[in-house]
Structures are given as C-alpha cells and as structure tokens.
Amino acid sequence: MIETVKTMAEAVRKMTDFRPRIALTLGSGLGHFASCIRTECVIRYRDIPGFPVSTAPGHAGKLIFGWLDDVPLVCMQGRVHLYEGYTPEEVVRPVRLCRALGAETLFLTNAAGGLDASWEPGTLAMITDHISVLVRNPLIGPNDDEEGVRFPDMTHVYDPELCEVLRAAAKEESIPLREGVYVQFTGPSYETPAEIRMVKSWGGTIAGMSTVVEAIAARHCGMRVCAVSLISNLAAGISKTPLSEEEVIAAGEAAAPRFERLVKAAVRKM
C-alpha cells in the first residue's frame, strides 16, 4: 500500500507543491461546497496513477487544493465507494494520499439515512462513533509500520476536541446539529427494514455506504477525524416513500447553505 501512496504523492507533487493542513471529503450532493475554496490547483482523480475514480452520481472526482479563509486544505470533491467495485484498501487510498501530502485532520461528510423518525430530511448530524462490523476492515492484510501500528486503538475515532469544535460552530451559526452513531453498509442497494431494525438495536442512528473505512484508515495513519452526515432521507421501514438517489442529491442541494456555514465556521476553529 505504501508504495502506491508514494507513487500517487510523487505524481501530485509534479503538479503542485501545495501543503494542506485539513482534508475535506465531500459526500453525495455536497460537492458544491468546493466553490467556497480559493483554489490553488485542481487535479482530476484519473490523472493520478493508482487513484480510484468516482463513478457515483454527484461525485465530480477532483482534488481541489486551496484556502478556506487562511486555512490550507485539500477538498476531495467526490469519493469512491465499496459498491463501485473497489476494495476497502482502494477506497481509503485518497485518505492515505492526503496524509502523505501533509494533511493532519480529516473532515468527512456524507449523505445518509436517518434511523430516528424525528430527524427530517435535511438534518445535519455529527458522527460521534461508528459500527464497522458490516464491512471489511481496510487494515486487513500485511501492516506497514511506516503508516501505523498493527492494532490501532479506536476508542475515539472521532476526535473529542474536534467534536467540540463542531458543536461550537453549530451554536455560533444557529444551526441545529444532531449527534449519532454511523453504520456503514456496502450498498449499492438500500438497506431493508429488517437490517435497519437490527442496527437500531445495536445503537446505530445513521446508516450509509461510506465513511467508516476512511475514518479507520485515517486513525491508523495518525490523522484526527471528525464527520458530519446530511440526513437525506429516513431509512427503510421508517420512510413512507421509496428511497432513491435523486432524493439524496436533492436533499444535499437544499441543505447546502447550512452545510457551508457549518463547515466554514468549524474549519476556521480547527
């Protein structure tokens, strides 16, 4: 894995010497946030050897290097998912690349289903913990000690100090911010009502098809992590309507102003 990451980093360094402090991943329907960045360089995923390419709707597939106020960051405008046919190791390559380029913090976002009937579509929810037993761990296989320890601790995957930053940013911007436990499924099919009942009984409150494997890899390589979900729909068995990708993208567009304000306020404090 580390040789692939080194190759990707060398390719990026031929195009830019920009050193980000924060890596921001934009989930489904949230790609428009990239317009808030004062851009230094844009690199398409397909122009980086070994970098997985986004195929999901609403994922542009670009690395955007630049500034949010005075904070240097790299924005992943779109991510890759297990359901696209990528392995967990491939899905987390972008995270490892951002770390190799200098990023110390990973700010993850996603569009996800809400397991609480009181959470309306458009709700923003901070992830405080996750359940990962339903997907293959991205650290399975030989461990590279240059990247991280064999058995990384996951007591605080989502950094408590960064969670406080998000709470303070939400309060400052008068944005309601829920909190919950994220459960990653593989997709691409949406979850069944029985599956949702199962993970609710485990303590899950948010269901989606991303984020967890990326958070694990980030912690493995020493990054601090925080994450926010846009609740784009109520999960199967809770929602009264069939689920669709159009609903996810539409919810992202509708929530864009609040999401942008929250991320801007939080990044300024990090």
Protein backbone atom coordinates (compact mmCIF):
# COMPACT_ATOMS: atom_id res chain seq x y z
CA MET A 1 0.00 0.00 0.00
CA ILE A 2 2.69 2.49 0.95
CA GLU A 3 4.44 2.18 -2.42
CA THR A 4 1.17 3.00 -4.20
CA VAL A 5 0.68 6.02 -1.96
CA LYS A 6 4.25 7.19 -2.60
CA THR A 7 3.67 6.90 -6.35
CA MET A 8 0.46 8.93 -6.11
CA ALA A 9 2.15 11.56 -3.94
CA GLU A 10 5.04 11.90 -6.38
CA ALA A 11 2.56 12.39 -9.24
CA VAL A 12 0.70 15.10 -7.32
CA ARG A 13 3.93 16.86 -6.35
CA LYS A 14 4.76 17.22 -10.04
CA MET A 15 1.56 19.26 -10.38
CA THR A 16 1.53 21.24 -7.12
CA ASP A 17 3.66 21.78 -4.02
CA PHE A 18 0.64 22.96 -2.00
CA ARG A 19 0.68 21.51 1.53
CA PRO A 20 -2.81 21.12 3.06
CA ARG A 21 -3.46 21.03 6.79
CA ILE A 22 -7.03 19.70 6.52
CA ALA A 23 -8.50 17.16 4.11
CA LEU A 24 -12.23 17.58 3.46
CA THR A 25 -14.25 14.82 1.80
CA LEU A 26 -17.50 15.92 0.17
CA GLY A 27 -20.28 13.34 0.06
CA SER A 28 -23.25 12.84 -2.26
CA GLY A 29 -24.97 16.09 -3.18
CA LEU A 30 -22.45 18.18 -1.23
CA GLY A 31 -19.87 18.77 -3.98
CA HIS A 32 -20.92 22.40 -4.47
CA PHE A 33 -19.02 23.36 -1.30
CA ALA A 34 -15.86 23.33 -3.43
CA SER A 35 -16.90 26.72 -4.82
CA CYS A 36 -16.19 28.23 -1.38
CA ILE A 37 -12.47 27.45 -1.71
CA ARG A 38 -9.91 29.92 -3.03
CA THR A 39 -8.37 27.49 -5.45
CA GLU A 40 -4.65 26.98 -5.98
CA CYS A 41 -4.77 23.78 -8.05
CA VAL A 42 -7.33 21.24 -9.30
CA ILE A 43 -6.30 17.67 -10.14
CA ARG A 44 -8.67 15.09 -11.60
CA TYR A 45 -8.61 11.70 -9.90
CA ARG A 46 -8.00 9.98 -13.22
CA ASP A 47 -4.80 11.98 -13.69
CA ILE A 48 -3.20 10.44 -10.58
CA PRO A 49 -1.72 6.94 -11.19
CA GLY A 50 -3.32 4.40 -8.86
CA PHE A 51 -6.00 6.78 -7.60
CA PRO A 52 -9.53 5.29 -7.68
CA VAL A 53 -12.00 7.20 -9.86
CA SER A 54 -15.50 8.20 -8.71
CA THR A 55 -18.41 6.80 -10.72
CA ALA A 56 -21.33 7.61 -8.39
CA PRO A 57 -23.83 10.38 -9.29
CA GLY A 58 -22.98 13.72 -7.68
CA HIS A 59 -19.26 12.92 -7.28
CA ALA A 60 -17.09 15.06 -9.56
CA GLY A 61 -13.84 13.18 -8.92
CA LYS A 62 -11.43 16.07 -8.31
CA LEU A 63 -8.83 17.04 -5.73
CA ILE A 64 -9.09 20.78 -5.07
CA PHE A 65 -6.15 22.42 -3.30
CA GLY A 66 -6.66 25.86 -1.86
CA TRP A 67 -7.65 28.07 1.04
CA LEU A 68 -10.74 28.46 3.16
CA ASP A 69 -10.01 31.86 4.65
CA ASP A 70 -6.43 31.34 5.87
CA VAL A 71 -6.67 27.55 6.30
CA PRO A 72 -4.83 25.43 3.68
CA LEU A 73 -6.87 22.41 2.71
CA VAL A 74 -7.41 19.78 0.08
CA CYS A 75 -11.01 19.07 -0.83
CA MET A 76 -11.99 15.68 -2.23
CA GLN A 77 -14.90 16.61 -4.48
CA GLY A 78 -16.45 13.18 -4.55
CA ARG A 79 -15.35 9.89 -3.04
CA VAL A 80 -15.25 6.26 -4.11
CA HIS A 81 -17.33 3.51 -2.53
CA LEU A 82 -17.21 -0.21 -2.00
CA TYR A 83 -20.30 -0.63 -4.19
CA GLU A 84 -18.40 0.72 -7.20
CA GLY A 85 -16.31 -2.45 -7.10
CA TYR A 86 -13.35 -1.06 -5.20
CA THR A 87 -11.71 -2.94 -2.34
CA PRO A 88 -11.58 -1.30 1.11
CA GLU A 89 -7.85 -0.74 0.56
CA GLU A 90 -8.58 1.15 -2.67
CA VAL A 91 -11.39 3.17 -1.09
CA VAL A 92 -9.02 4.55 1.56
CA ARG A 93 -6.16 5.43 -0.81
CA PRO A 94 -7.34 9.05 -1.11
CA VAL A 95 -7.15 9.40 2.68
CA ARG A 96 -3.63 7.99 2.79
CA LEU A 97 -2.59 10.26 -0.07
CA CYS A 98 -3.90 13.35 1.74
CA ARG A 99 -1.90 12.32 4.80
CA ALA A 100 1.22 11.86 2.66
CA LEU A 101 0.70 15.37 1.26
CA GLY A 102 0.64 16.87 4.74
CA ALA A 103 -2.97 16.82 5.96
CA GLU A 104 -3.24 16.30 9.71
CA THR A 105 -7.04 16.34 10.02
CA LEU A 106 -9.70 14.51 8.01
CA PHE A 107 -13.15 16.14 7.88
CA LEU A 108 -15.58 13.61 6.43
CA THR A 109 -19.07 14.39 5.15
CA ASN A 110 -21.72 12.15 3.67
CA ALA A 111 -25.38 11.89 2.79
CA ALA A 112 -27.06 9.19 4.84
CA GLY A 113 -30.30 7.74 6.08
CA GLY A 114 -31.75 8.67 9.46
CA LEU A 115 -32.89 5.94 11.83
CA ASP A 116 -34.76 8.35 14.10
CA ALA A 117 -38.22 9.23 12.82
CA SER A 118 -37.91 12.72 14.35
CA TRP A 119 -34.97 13.56 12.07
CA GLU A 120 -36.36 15.25 8.98
CA PRO A 121 -34.51 15.13 5.64
CA GLY A 122 -32.01 17.98 5.62
CA THR A 123 -30.96 17.43 9.24
CA LEU A 124 -27.22 17.73 9.92
CA ALA A 125 -25.79 15.18 12.35
CA MET A 126 -22.30 14.92 13.82
CA ILE A 127 -20.90 11.38 13.98
CA THR A 128 -19.63 10.55 17.46
CA ASP A 129 -18.90 6.84 16.88
CA HIS A 130 -19.44 4.13 14.30
CA ILE A 131 -20.23 0.46 13.78
CA SER A 132 -17.99 -1.25 11.23
CA VAL A 133 -18.71 -4.97 11.51
CA LEU A 134 -20.79 -4.98 8.31
CA VAL A 135 -17.87 -4.05 6.03
CA ARG A 136 -14.39 -5.47 5.57
CA ASN A 137 -11.80 -3.62 7.64
CA PRO A 138 -9.37 -1.72 5.35
CA LEU A 139 -6.43 -2.70 7.59
CA ILE A 140 -6.76 -6.45 6.93
CA GLY A 141 -3.58 -7.81 5.39
CA PRO A 142 0.11 -7.07 5.99
CA ASN A 143 0.64 -3.96 8.09
CA ASP A 144 3.09 -1.27 7.04
CA ASP A 145 4.68 0.09 10.19
CA GLU A 146 5.59 3.31 8.37
CA GLU A 147 1.87 4.11 8.11
CA GLY A 148 0.62 2.95 11.50
CA VAL A 149 0.60 0.28 14.21
CA ARG A 150 -0.78 -3.21 13.64
CA PHE A 151 -3.62 -2.81 16.16
CA PRO A 152 -4.70 0.86 16.26
CA ASP A 153 -6.94 1.98 19.10
CA MET A 154 -10.42 3.09 18.04
CA THR A 155 -11.74 4.35 21.38
CA HIS A 156 -12.02 7.88 20.00
CA VAL A 157 -12.17 7.59 16.22
CA TYR A 158 -13.96 10.94 16.05
CA ASP A 159 -11.69 13.33 17.91
CA PRO A 160 -13.42 14.70 21.06
CA GLU A 161 -11.82 18.14 20.65
CA LEU A 162 -12.95 18.36 17.03
CA CYS A 163 -16.45 17.30 18.08
CA GLU A 164 -16.45 20.23 20.50
CA VAL A 165 -15.34 22.49 17.64
CA LEU A 166 -18.30 21.31 15.56
CA ARG A 167 -20.71 21.88 18.44
CA ALA A 168 -19.35 25.39 18.95
CA ALA A 169 -19.52 26.16 15.23
CA ALA A 170 -23.13 24.96 15.04
CA LYS A 171 -24.09 27.08 18.05
CA GLU A 172 -22.30 30.10 16.61
CA GLU A 173 -24.18 29.74 13.31
CA SER A 174 -27.51 28.84 14.99
CA ILE A 175 -27.59 25.54 13.10
CA PRO A 176 -29.29 22.57 14.79
CA LEU A 177 -26.76 19.73 14.93
CA ARG A 178 -27.82 16.24 15.95
CA GLU A 179 -25.36 13.57 17.08
CA GLY A 180 -25.30 9.87 16.40
CA VAL A 181 -23.61 6.57 15.62
CA TYR A 182 -22.97 5.86 11.94
CA VAL A 183 -23.33 2.36 10.48
CA GLN A 184 -21.69 1.61 7.14
CA PHE A 185 -23.32 -0.85 4.77
CA THR A 186 -21.75 -1.84 1.47
CA GLY A 187 -24.58 -0.76 -0.86
CA PRO A 188 -25.49 -0.18 -3.62
CA SER A 189 -28.92 -1.47 -2.62
CA TYR A 190 -30.53 0.45 0.20
CA GLU A 191 -30.96 -1.37 3.49
CA THR A 192 -34.03 -3.48 4.23
CA PRO A 193 -36.38 -2.62 7.11
CA ALA A 194 -35.11 -5.71 8.97
CA GLU A 195 -31.49 -4.55 8.61
CA ILE A 196 -32.43 -1.12 9.91
CA ARG A 197 -34.20 -2.65 12.91
CA MET A 198 -31.08 -4.71 13.59
CA VAL A 199 -28.63 -1.80 13.63
CA LYS A 200 -31.05 0.34 15.62
CA SER A 201 -30.97 -2.36 18.29
CA TRP A 202 -27.16 -2.07 18.26
CA GLY A 203 -27.33 1.66 18.90
CA GLY A 204 -26.97 2.91 15.32
CA THR A 205 -28.72 6.15 14.42
CA ILE A 206 -27.32 6.90 10.92
CA ALA A 207 -26.97 4.47 8.00
CA GLY A 208 -24.87 4.96 4.88
CA MET A 209 -22.46 3.46 2.36
CA SER A 210 -19.19 5.26 3.16
CA THR A 211 -17.11 6.99 5.83
CA VAL A 212 -16.28 4.21 8.30
CA VAL A 213 -13.43 2.58 6.35
CA GLU A 214 -12.00 6.04 5.64
CA ALA A 215 -12.14 7.00 9.31
CA ILE A 216 -10.38 3.77 10.31
CA ALA A 217 -7.59 4.34 7.78
CA ALA A 218 -7.18 7.96 8.88
CA ARG A 219 -6.80 6.99 12.52
CA HIS A 220 -4.36 4.24 11.52
CA CYS A 221 -2.06 6.78 9.85
CA GLY A 222 -2.30 9.29 12.69
CA MET A 223 -4.91 11.76 11.45
CA ARG A 224 -7.51 13.43 13.62
CA VAL A 225 -11.04 12.78 12.35
CA CYS A 226 -14.41 14.48 12.51
CA ALA A 227 -17.53 13.81 10.44
CA VAL A 228 -20.93 15.26 9.63
CA SER A 229 -23.83 13.47 7.94
CA LEU A 230 -26.55 15.16 5.95
CA ILE A 231 -29.69 13.16 6.66
CA SER A 232 -31.04 12.96 3.13
CA ASN A 233 -33.89 10.56 3.88
CA LEU A 234 -35.39 8.39 6.57
CA ALA A 235 -34.20 4.80 6.38
CA ALA A 236 -36.22 1.86 5.02
CA GLY A 237 -39.12 0.91 7.24
CA ILE A 238 -39.17 4.42 8.71
CA SER A 239 -39.60 6.34 5.45
CA LYS A 240 -43.07 6.26 3.96
CA THR A 241 -41.71 6.61 0.41
CA PRO A 242 -39.34 4.50 -1.73
CA LEU A 243 -35.67 5.53 -1.46
CA SER A 244 -33.84 7.00 -4.45
CA GLU A 245 -30.52 8.64 -5.35
CA GLU A 246 -32.42 11.67 -6.68
CA GLU A 247 -33.75 12.25 -3.17
CA VAL A 248 -30.20 12.15 -1.77
CA ILE A 249 -28.85 14.71 -4.25
CA ALA A 250 -31.88 17.00 -3.85
CA ALA A 251 -31.50 16.96 -0.06
CA GLY A 252 -27.84 17.91 -0.43
CA GLU A 253 -28.68 20.88 -2.61
CA ALA A 254 -31.41 22.06 -0.25
CA ALA A 255 -29.11 21.82 2.78
CA ALA A 256 -26.14 23.45 1.03
CA PRO A 257 -26.36 26.89 2.69
CA ARG A 258 -26.48 25.47 6.24
CA PHE A 259 -23.81 22.89 5.47
CA GLU A 260 -21.47 25.54 4.02
CA ARG A 261 -21.89 27.78 7.05
CA LEU A 262 -21.21 24.92 9.45
CA VAL A 263 -18.10 23.67 7.64
CA LYS A 264 -16.67 27.18 7.22
CA ALA A 265 -17.18 28.02 10.89
CA ALA A 266 -15.71 24.69 12.02
CA VAL A 267 -12.65 24.80 9.75
CA ARG A 268 -11.80 28.31 10.97
CA LYS A 269 -11.65 26.91 14.52
CA MET A 270 -9.55 23.84 13.72
